[in-house]
Amino acid sequence: MGVGFALLAAYLLVQSTWVLVAGFHPHHSPLGIVWTAITAIVMFALAASKARTGAALDSPVLKTEGRVTLIDGLLAASVLLGLLLNTAVGWWWADPAAGYVLVCYAIREVREIFSSELRPTA
């Protein structure tokens, strides 16, 4: 899992930087915007459902899963914001900037995963 997040972070870092340096102005995709909006809505709904169910069952695993799904919703919302800013006001750099938000999250997850693997177990 950690290697996957590390590879994702590296790819997004290179891709976002390349787009900014090259000054590439991406075109908007109405289907991509709709799909990302649906993804964010579904993630937020799932997060709320998991949190409620986890609290009702007193399940720490489901409560944690709800928080992770909430983060997924926030990441989708970040990407959606970048797409909308590009489309609505022509901020072509907003989409790669959203990529940097994802890079920060992926790096945080990589650190968490690898630091937990290095902790001694009791």
Protein backbone atom coordinates (compact mmCIF):
# COMPACT_ATOMS: atom_id res chain seq x y z
CA MET A 1 0.00 0.00 0.00
CA GLY A 2 2.80 2.38 0.91
CA VAL A 3 4.64 1.75 -2.35
CA GLY A 4 1.44 2.43 -4.30
CA PHE A 5 0.95 5.77 -2.55
CA ALA A 6 4.62 6.64 -3.11
CA LEU A 7 4.32 5.90 -6.83
CA LEU A 8 1.11 7.93 -7.03
CA ALA A 9 2.79 10.87 -5.27
CA ALA A 10 5.78 10.73 -7.62
CA TYR A 11 3.60 10.54 -10.72
CA LEU A 12 1.36 13.43 -9.63
CA LEU A 13 4.34 15.54 -8.61
CA VAL A 14 6.04 15.09 -11.99
CA GLN A 15 2.81 15.50 -13.98
CA SER A 16 1.63 18.62 -12.11
CA THR A 17 5.07 20.21 -12.31
CA TRP A 18 5.34 19.43 -16.02
CA VAL A 19 1.96 21.04 -16.71
CA LEU A 20 2.91 24.17 -14.77
CA VAL A 21 6.39 24.52 -16.27
CA ALA A 22 5.19 23.87 -19.82
CA GLY A 23 2.26 26.26 -19.34
CA PHE A 24 -0.12 23.63 -20.70
CA HIS A 25 -3.70 24.90 -20.62
CA PRO A 26 -5.94 21.84 -20.24
CA HIS A 27 -9.39 21.89 -21.78
CA HIS A 28 -12.35 21.23 -19.57
CA SER A 29 -14.41 18.09 -19.77
CA PRO A 30 -18.06 18.38 -18.71
CA LEU A 31 -18.19 14.61 -18.23
CA GLY A 32 -15.04 14.70 -16.06
CA ILE A 33 -16.51 17.48 -13.93
CA VAL A 34 -19.81 15.63 -13.47
CA TRP A 35 -18.01 12.36 -12.68
CA THR A 36 -15.77 14.05 -10.10
CA ALA A 37 -18.76 15.81 -8.51
CA ILE A 38 -20.64 12.49 -8.25
CA THR A 39 -17.55 10.87 -6.75
CA ALA A 40 -17.26 13.58 -4.08
CA ILE A 41 -20.96 13.36 -3.20
CA VAL A 42 -20.86 9.56 -2.94
CA MET A 43 -17.69 9.65 -0.81
CA PHE A 44 -19.22 12.15 1.63
CA ALA A 45 -22.43 10.10 1.85
CA LEU A 46 -20.46 6.88 2.43
CA ALA A 47 -18.30 8.58 5.06
CA ALA A 48 -21.38 9.75 6.98
CA SER A 49 -22.99 6.31 6.75
CA LYS A 50 -19.84 4.53 7.91
CA ALA A 51 -19.41 6.95 10.81
CA ARG A 52 -23.03 6.50 11.92
CA THR A 53 -22.89 2.72 11.59
CA GLY A 54 -19.50 2.58 13.32
CA ALA A 55 -20.85 4.63 16.22
CA ALA A 56 -24.02 2.50 16.47
CA LEU A 57 -22.02 -0.73 16.47
CA ASP A 58 -19.18 0.77 18.50
CA SER A 59 -16.80 -0.46 15.80
CA PRO A 60 -13.42 1.31 15.80
CA VAL A 61 -12.60 -0.17 12.41
CA LEU A 62 -15.76 1.21 10.80
CA LYS A 63 -15.28 4.59 12.49
CA THR A 64 -11.74 4.76 11.07
CA GLU A 65 -13.00 3.67 7.66
CA GLY A 66 -15.51 6.53 7.81
CA ARG A 67 -12.69 9.02 8.42
CA VAL A 68 -10.66 7.58 5.54
CA THR A 69 -13.67 7.84 3.24
CA LEU A 70 -14.16 11.45 4.36
CA ILE A 71 -10.57 12.18 3.28
CA ASP A 72 -11.36 10.55 -0.08
CA GLY A 73 -14.33 12.90 -0.43
CA LEU A 74 -12.17 15.91 0.40
CA LEU A 75 -9.60 14.84 -2.18
CA ALA A 76 -12.31 14.47 -4.83
CA ALA A 77 -13.63 17.91 -3.85
CA SER A 78 -10.11 19.33 -4.26
CA VAL A 79 -9.86 17.94 -7.77
CA LEU A 80 -13.37 19.20 -8.54
CA LEU A 81 -12.43 22.68 -7.35
CA GLY A 82 -9.39 22.68 -9.66
CA LEU A 83 -11.53 21.59 -12.61
CA LEU A 84 -14.21 24.18 -11.88
CA LEU A 85 -11.72 27.02 -11.47
CA ASN A 86 -10.12 26.09 -14.78
CA THR A 87 -13.50 25.98 -16.51
CA ALA A 88 -15.21 28.96 -14.88
CA VAL A 89 -12.45 31.55 -14.59
CA GLY A 90 -9.68 30.16 -16.79
CA TRP A 91 -7.28 29.38 -13.95
CA TRP A 92 -5.46 26.69 -15.94
CA TRP A 93 -3.00 26.21 -13.08
CA ALA A 94 -5.74 25.26 -10.59
CA ASP A 95 -5.94 21.67 -11.84
CA PRO A 96 -2.22 20.92 -11.34
CA ALA A 97 -2.41 22.78 -8.01
CA ALA A 98 -5.09 20.29 -6.97
CA GLY A 99 -2.60 17.61 -7.99
CA TYR A 100 -0.19 19.01 -5.40
CA VAL A 101 -2.89 18.64 -2.73
CA LEU A 102 -3.09 14.96 -3.64
CA VAL A 103 0.73 14.71 -3.53
CA CYS A 104 0.74 16.09 0.02
CA TYR A 105 -1.90 13.60 1.10
CA ALA A 106 -0.10 10.67 -0.54
CA ILE A 107 3.21 11.60 1.09
CA ARG A 108 1.49 11.85 4.47
CA GLU A 109 0.01 8.40 3.97
CA VAL A 110 3.35 6.94 2.88
CA ARG A 111 5.01 8.28 6.03
CA GLU A 112 2.21 6.88 8.18
CA ILE A 113 2.32 3.47 6.53
CA PHE A 114 6.08 3.07 6.70
CA SER A 115 6.41 4.48 10.22
CA SER A 116 3.77 2.05 11.48
CA GLU A 117 5.65 -0.84 9.82
CA LEU A 118 8.81 0.18 11.67
CA ARG A 119 7.13 0.35 15.09
CA PRO A 120 7.78 -2.71 17.23
CA THR A 121 4.73 -4.82 17.96
CA ALA A 122 3.95 -5.99 21.47
